[in-house]
């Protein structure tokens, strides 16, 4: 199933529906996607059957303004799970891989109030001249729990979506010299979408610790990035388990993968130079696409 949160063309309020071919089979108004989470997927599956058999409305997908699947998630955790991205960035700064990276699937908290939808404009944050994108995949927690075991954690995932962890690199660089952050270098925008794809849709693509899904990014139509989700070092189950250690994860929580290899201007400019891969400018259009998850 693919679940979209969209702005109703008539009323202007958020609604939820099942994406079927090029239409959205909408559920009744006033029912957010978050209310369909909270168990191991039965509630979402039942709603999918209802949307398929007896939708409130069938609305063409083309032209709809899509919101983030969970427009205001309870928390946003972004991990650091692709070795190529980490290794390249460290080597270009003259650093070896930190051994603890292979022991701890580290993350930072981002700002749930700054979540944006897939077609929304993103303002350049104050004080930044080095705006960057980050090509990622996010898992959305469906079933809450504390101290979740890694081998059980996948059943806590409701689905996956594309994630852009926008980054103000110059602001981030200054903040992290002070051993805090990323703070204002990250919390101005996180884009999620275009919809939530349930794990059963991806089962045939399993490979390694995740799924063999091609991940691509382009800026103004020029291809920048290409990787596979299967290149990830830490599985989403391991990330959910670590996030819940000594605390809880709850329905709607966002678990970001971190940047895939080649998946940001920072990494590309380190390798090929800033002339080849300049920082984003006002008016640029960034497109992130992940196979089977949308663009």
Protein backbone atom coordinates (compact mmCIF):
# COMPACT_ATOMS: atom_id res chain seq x y z
CA UNK A 1 0.00 0.00 0.00
CA UNK A 2 0.99 3.61 -0.63
CA UNK A 3 -0.61 6.15 1.70
CA UNK A 4 -0.69 9.86 0.90
CA UNK A 5 -1.61 12.88 2.98
CA UNK A 6 -2.91 15.60 0.69
CA UNK A 7 -4.65 18.96 0.71
CA UNK A 8 -8.28 18.52 -0.28
CA UNK A 9 -8.85 20.69 -3.39
CA UNK A 10 -12.31 21.70 -2.22
CA UNK A 11 -11.93 22.34 1.50
CA UNK A 12 -8.21 23.06 1.79
CA UNK A 13 -7.86 20.70 4.76
CA UNK A 14 -5.53 17.72 5.04
CA UNK A 15 -6.92 14.33 4.11
CA UNK A 16 -5.53 10.82 3.80
CA UNK A 17 -5.96 8.29 1.04
CA UNK A 18 -4.61 5.21 -0.63
CA UNK A 19 -2.66 5.81 -3.86
CA UNK A 20 -4.06 3.50 -6.56
CA UNK A 21 -2.51 3.93 -10.00
CA UNK A 22 -2.91 7.66 -10.73
CA UNK A 23 -5.67 8.37 -8.20
CA UNK A 24 -6.06 8.75 -4.46
CA UNK A 25 -8.85 6.75 -2.85
CA UNK A 26 -9.60 9.11 0.01
CA UNK A 27 -10.85 8.21 3.47
CA UNK A 28 -13.29 10.36 5.40
CA UNK A 29 -12.17 13.90 6.32
CA UNK A 30 -10.66 14.41 9.76
CA UNK A 31 -8.79 11.09 9.90
CA UNK A 32 -4.99 11.64 9.94
CA UNK A 33 -2.59 8.89 8.94
CA UNK A 34 -1.16 8.91 12.45
CA UNK A 35 -4.51 7.60 13.76
CA UNK A 36 -4.13 4.52 11.54
CA UNK A 37 -0.86 3.57 13.24
CA UNK A 38 -0.29 2.14 16.71
CA UNK A 39 -0.35 -1.60 16.05
CA UNK A 40 1.52 -4.07 13.84
CA UNK A 41 -0.26 -2.91 10.67
CA UNK A 42 -3.76 -4.36 11.05
CA UNK A 43 -5.43 -0.96 11.40
CA UNK A 44 -3.65 0.34 8.29
CA UNK A 45 -4.53 -2.80 6.33
CA UNK A 46 -8.20 -2.54 7.29
CA UNK A 47 -8.27 1.09 6.22
CA UNK A 48 -6.68 0.09 2.93
CA UNK A 49 -9.43 -2.44 2.29
CA UNK A 50 -12.03 0.22 3.06
CA UNK A 51 -10.36 2.77 0.79
CA UNK A 52 -10.20 0.26 -2.04
CA UNK A 53 -13.74 -1.06 -1.76
CA UNK A 54 -15.65 2.02 -0.61
CA UNK A 55 -13.64 5.25 -0.81
CA UNK A 56 -15.19 8.54 0.30
CA UNK A 57 -13.74 10.17 -2.83
CA UNK A 58 -11.54 9.21 -5.77
CA UNK A 59 -9.32 12.16 -6.68
CA UNK A 60 -6.78 12.33 -9.55
CA UNK A 61 -3.25 12.33 -8.19
CA UNK A 62 -2.02 14.77 -10.82
CA UNK A 63 -2.16 18.31 -9.48
CA UNK A 64 -2.79 17.37 -5.85
CA UNK A 65 -0.66 19.15 -3.26
CA UNK A 66 0.91 16.35 -1.25
CA UNK A 67 1.94 16.88 2.34
CA UNK A 68 4.47 14.85 4.29
CA UNK A 69 2.80 11.50 5.09
CA UNK A 70 2.93 12.46 8.79
CA UNK A 71 2.94 16.27 8.61
CA UNK A 72 3.89 16.72 12.28
CA UNK A 73 5.72 13.62 13.48
CA UNK A 74 6.30 13.30 17.24
CA UNK A 75 10.08 13.09 16.73
CA UNK A 76 12.60 13.12 13.89
CA UNK A 77 15.80 11.13 14.39
CA UNK A 78 18.37 11.16 11.60
CA UNK A 79 21.02 8.45 11.60
CA UNK A 80 24.42 8.14 9.90
CA UNK A 81 24.13 4.68 8.39
CA UNK A 82 25.92 4.68 4.99
CA UNK A 83 29.63 3.88 5.26
CA UNK A 84 30.61 5.36 1.88
CA UNK A 85 29.29 8.80 2.79
CA UNK A 86 30.97 8.77 6.20
CA UNK A 87 34.26 7.38 4.91
CA UNK A 88 34.53 9.82 1.98
CA UNK A 89 33.82 12.86 4.14
CA UNK A 90 36.34 11.79 6.77
CA UNK A 91 39.07 10.87 4.30
CA UNK A 92 38.80 14.27 2.60
CA UNK A 93 39.41 15.85 6.00
CA UNK A 94 42.41 13.59 6.63
CA UNK A 95 40.61 11.40 9.15
CA UNK A 96 40.38 7.62 9.48
CA UNK A 97 37.07 5.93 10.21
CA UNK A 98 36.15 6.16 13.88
CA UNK A 99 35.94 2.55 15.20
CA UNK A 100 32.85 3.37 17.27
CA UNK A 101 30.93 4.12 14.07
CA UNK A 102 30.79 0.34 13.56
CA UNK A 103 29.53 -0.14 17.13
CA UNK A 104 26.96 2.65 17.55
CA UNK A 105 24.28 3.60 15.00
CA UNK A 106 24.42 7.25 16.06
CA UNK A 107 21.75 9.85 15.27
CA UNK A 108 20.71 13.39 16.10
CA UNK A 109 17.27 14.85 16.72
CA UNK A 110 15.87 17.25 14.14
CA UNK A 111 12.87 19.58 14.26
CA UNK A 112 9.38 18.04 13.74
CA UNK A 113 7.92 21.54 13.30
CA UNK A 114 10.08 22.03 10.19
CA UNK A 115 8.79 19.01 8.24
CA UNK A 116 7.68 19.94 4.72
CA UNK A 117 5.88 18.17 1.90
CA UNK A 118 7.40 16.93 -1.36
CA UNK A 119 6.52 19.96 -3.50
CA UNK A 120 7.00 22.68 -0.90
CA UNK A 121 9.49 25.51 -1.32
CA UNK A 122 12.30 25.57 1.24
CA UNK A 123 13.70 28.96 2.26
CA UNK A 124 17.44 29.42 2.50
CA UNK A 125 18.09 29.63 6.25
CA UNK A 126 19.39 32.88 7.77
CA UNK A 127 23.15 33.22 7.72
CA UNK A 128 23.83 30.48 5.19
CA UNK A 129 25.47 30.58 1.77
CA UNK A 130 26.10 26.82 1.52
CA UNK A 131 22.70 25.15 1.24
CA UNK A 132 22.78 21.40 0.58
CA UNK A 133 20.39 18.50 0.09
CA UNK A 134 20.78 15.00 1.54
CA UNK A 135 19.36 11.95 -0.23
CA UNK A 136 17.89 9.58 2.37
CA UNK A 137 15.14 7.09 3.12
CA UNK A 138 13.04 7.37 6.27
CA UNK A 139 11.21 4.64 8.16
CA UNK A 140 8.02 5.67 9.95
CA UNK A 141 7.34 3.91 13.26
CA UNK A 142 3.95 2.22 13.39
CA UNK A 143 4.10 0.32 16.66
CA UNK A 144 5.49 1.98 19.76
CA UNK A 145 7.75 0.29 22.27
CA UNK A 146 10.70 0.61 24.60
CA UNK A 147 14.01 -1.28 24.56
CA UNK A 148 12.97 -2.95 21.32
CA UNK A 149 15.23 -5.82 20.26
CA UNK A 150 16.83 -5.43 16.85
CA UNK A 151 15.49 -8.81 15.72
CA UNK A 152 11.93 -7.67 16.56
CA UNK A 153 12.19 -4.07 15.43
CA UNK A 154 11.05 -4.45 11.82
CA UNK A 155 7.49 -5.17 12.93
CA UNK A 156 7.51 -1.72 14.54
CA UNK A 157 7.92 -0.06 11.10
CA UNK A 158 4.72 1.08 9.35
CA UNK A 159 6.44 2.05 6.11
CA UNK A 160 9.08 4.04 4.27
CA UNK A 161 9.34 7.31 2.35
CA UNK A 162 11.93 9.51 0.67
CA UNK A 163 13.65 12.02 2.96
CA UNK A 164 15.61 15.18 2.23
CA UNK A 165 17.59 16.37 5.25
CA UNK A 166 18.33 19.90 4.04
CA UNK A 167 21.59 21.23 5.46
CA UNK A 168 23.18 24.65 5.85
CA UNK A 169 26.79 23.47 5.72
CA UNK A 170 28.50 26.72 6.73
CA UNK A 171 26.24 27.15 9.76
CA UNK A 172 26.59 23.46 10.64
CA UNK A 173 30.38 23.64 10.43
CA UNK A 174 30.57 26.53 12.92
CA UNK A 175 28.14 24.92 15.35
CA UNK A 176 29.87 21.56 15.43
CA UNK A 177 33.21 23.14 16.28
CA UNK A 178 31.55 23.87 19.64
CA UNK A 179 30.77 20.15 20.19
CA UNK A 180 27.04 20.79 19.86
CA UNK A 181 24.73 20.17 16.97
CA UNK A 182 23.88 20.05 14.23
CA UNK A 183 21.43 22.69 15.42
CA UNK A 184 20.43 25.63 13.16
CA UNK A 185 22.42 24.00 10.37
CA UNK A 186 19.68 21.36 10.13
CA UNK A 187 16.45 22.33 11.85
CA UNK A 188 14.97 24.66 9.20
CA UNK A 189 13.55 21.98 6.86
CA UNK A 190 13.16 18.23 6.46
CA UNK A 191 11.16 17.09 3.44
CA UNK A 192 9.28 13.77 3.56
CA UNK A 193 7.19 12.08 0.90
CA UNK A 194 5.65 11.69 -1.51
CA UNK A 195 3.79 8.95 0.36
CA UNK A 196 4.23 6.16 2.90
CA UNK A 197 4.98 2.79 1.28
CA UNK A 198 4.28 -0.23 3.47
CA UNK A 199 7.00 -2.88 3.89
CA UNK A 200 5.06 -5.60 2.05
CA UNK A 201 5.45 -3.58 -1.17
CA UNK A 202 9.23 -3.87 -0.87
CA UNK A 203 9.62 -7.47 0.24
CA UNK A 204 10.67 -8.70 -3.20
CA UNK A 205 13.58 -6.24 -3.19
CA UNK A 206 15.29 -7.43 -0.01
CA UNK A 207 19.07 -7.38 -0.20
CA UNK A 208 21.73 -7.08 2.48
CA UNK A 209 20.47 -5.14 5.47
CA UNK A 210 17.69 -3.36 3.56
CA UNK A 211 16.26 -3.35 0.02
CA UNK A 212 17.85 -3.06 -3.41
CA UNK A 213 16.20 0.25 -4.33
CA UNK A 214 17.98 2.75 -6.57
CA UNK A 215 18.35 6.19 -4.96
CA UNK A 216 18.91 9.22 -7.21
CA UNK A 217 19.18 13.00 -6.84
CA UNK A 218 19.23 15.74 -9.43
CA UNK A 219 19.46 19.54 -9.34
CA UNK A 220 17.68 21.47 -12.11
CA UNK A 221 17.48 18.24 -14.11
CA UNK A 222 21.19 17.41 -13.87
CA UNK A 223 21.96 14.06 -12.25
CA UNK A 224 24.03 14.38 -9.08
CA UNK A 225 23.68 11.23 -6.99
CA UNK A 226 23.09 7.52 -7.44
CA UNK A 227 23.25 4.72 -4.87
CA UNK A 228 21.28 1.75 -3.59
CA UNK A 229 19.50 1.48 -0.26
CA UNK A 230 21.04 -1.98 0.04
CA UNK A 231 24.44 -0.30 0.54
CA UNK A 232 23.37 0.72 4.06
CA UNK A 233 25.54 -0.54 6.93
CA UNK A 234 22.97 -0.31 9.77
CA UNK A 235 19.56 -1.89 9.17
CA UNK A 236 16.40 0.04 9.99
CA UNK A 237 15.67 -2.59 12.63
CA UNK A 238 18.99 -1.83 14.31
CA UNK A 239 18.27 1.90 14.11
CA UNK A 240 14.82 1.53 15.66
CA UNK A 241 16.27 -0.66 18.40
CA UNK A 242 19.00 1.87 19.21
CA UNK A 243 16.51 4.74 19.18
CA UNK A 244 14.35 2.88 21.71
CA UNK A 245 17.21 1.88 24.02
CA UNK A 246 16.46 3.16 27.53
CA UNK A 247 13.42 5.05 26.23
CA UNK A 248 10.60 4.59 23.70
CA UNK A 249 9.72 5.07 20.07
CA UNK A 250 6.12 6.00 19.31
CA UNK A 251 3.81 5.83 16.28
CA UNK A 252 4.72 8.44 13.68
CA UNK A 253 8.34 8.82 14.78
CA UNK A 254 10.69 9.35 11.83
CA UNK A 255 13.89 7.29 11.56
CA UNK A 256 16.13 8.76 8.84
CA UNK A 257 18.84 6.65 7.23
CA UNK A 258 21.41 9.39 6.85
CA UNK A 259 22.95 10.30 3.51
CA UNK A 260 23.72 7.60 0.98
CA UNK A 261 27.05 7.55 -0.84
CA UNK A 262 27.30 10.52 -3.29
CA UNK A 263 24.00 11.77 -1.83
CA UNK A 264 24.86 15.40 -1.05
CA UNK A 265 26.79 18.35 -2.46
CA UNK A 266 29.20 18.32 0.50
CA UNK A 267 30.53 14.90 -0.47
CA UNK A 268 30.47 15.56 -4.22
CA UNK A 269 32.28 18.90 -3.93
CA UNK A 270 34.93 17.34 -1.67
CA UNK A 271 35.72 14.83 -4.43
CA UNK A 272 35.11 16.88 -7.60
CA UNK A 273 35.34 20.52 -6.44
CA UNK A 274 32.78 23.26 -5.79
CA UNK A 275 32.88 24.48 -9.39
CA UNK A 276 31.55 21.11 -10.54
CA UNK A 277 29.01 20.88 -7.72
CA UNK A 278 28.12 24.34 -6.42
CA UNK A 279 25.96 24.94 -3.37
CA UNK A 280 22.23 25.36 -3.95
CA UNK A 281 20.97 28.80 -4.93
CA UNK A 282 17.62 30.57 -4.82
CA UNK A 283 15.29 29.02 -7.41
CA UNK A 284 17.07 25.67 -7.75
CA UNK A 285 14.85 22.59 -8.00
CA UNK A 286 16.07 19.47 -6.22
CA UNK A 287 14.51 16.11 -7.10
CA UNK A 288 15.12 13.03 -4.96
CA UNK A 289 13.80 9.71 -6.22
CA UNK A 290 13.92 6.26 -4.67
CA UNK A 291 12.75 3.24 -6.62
CA UNK A 292 9.31 2.06 -5.42
CA UNK A 293 9.08 4.98 -2.96
CA UNK A 294 8.43 7.80 -5.43
CA UNK A 295 10.01 11.19 -6.13
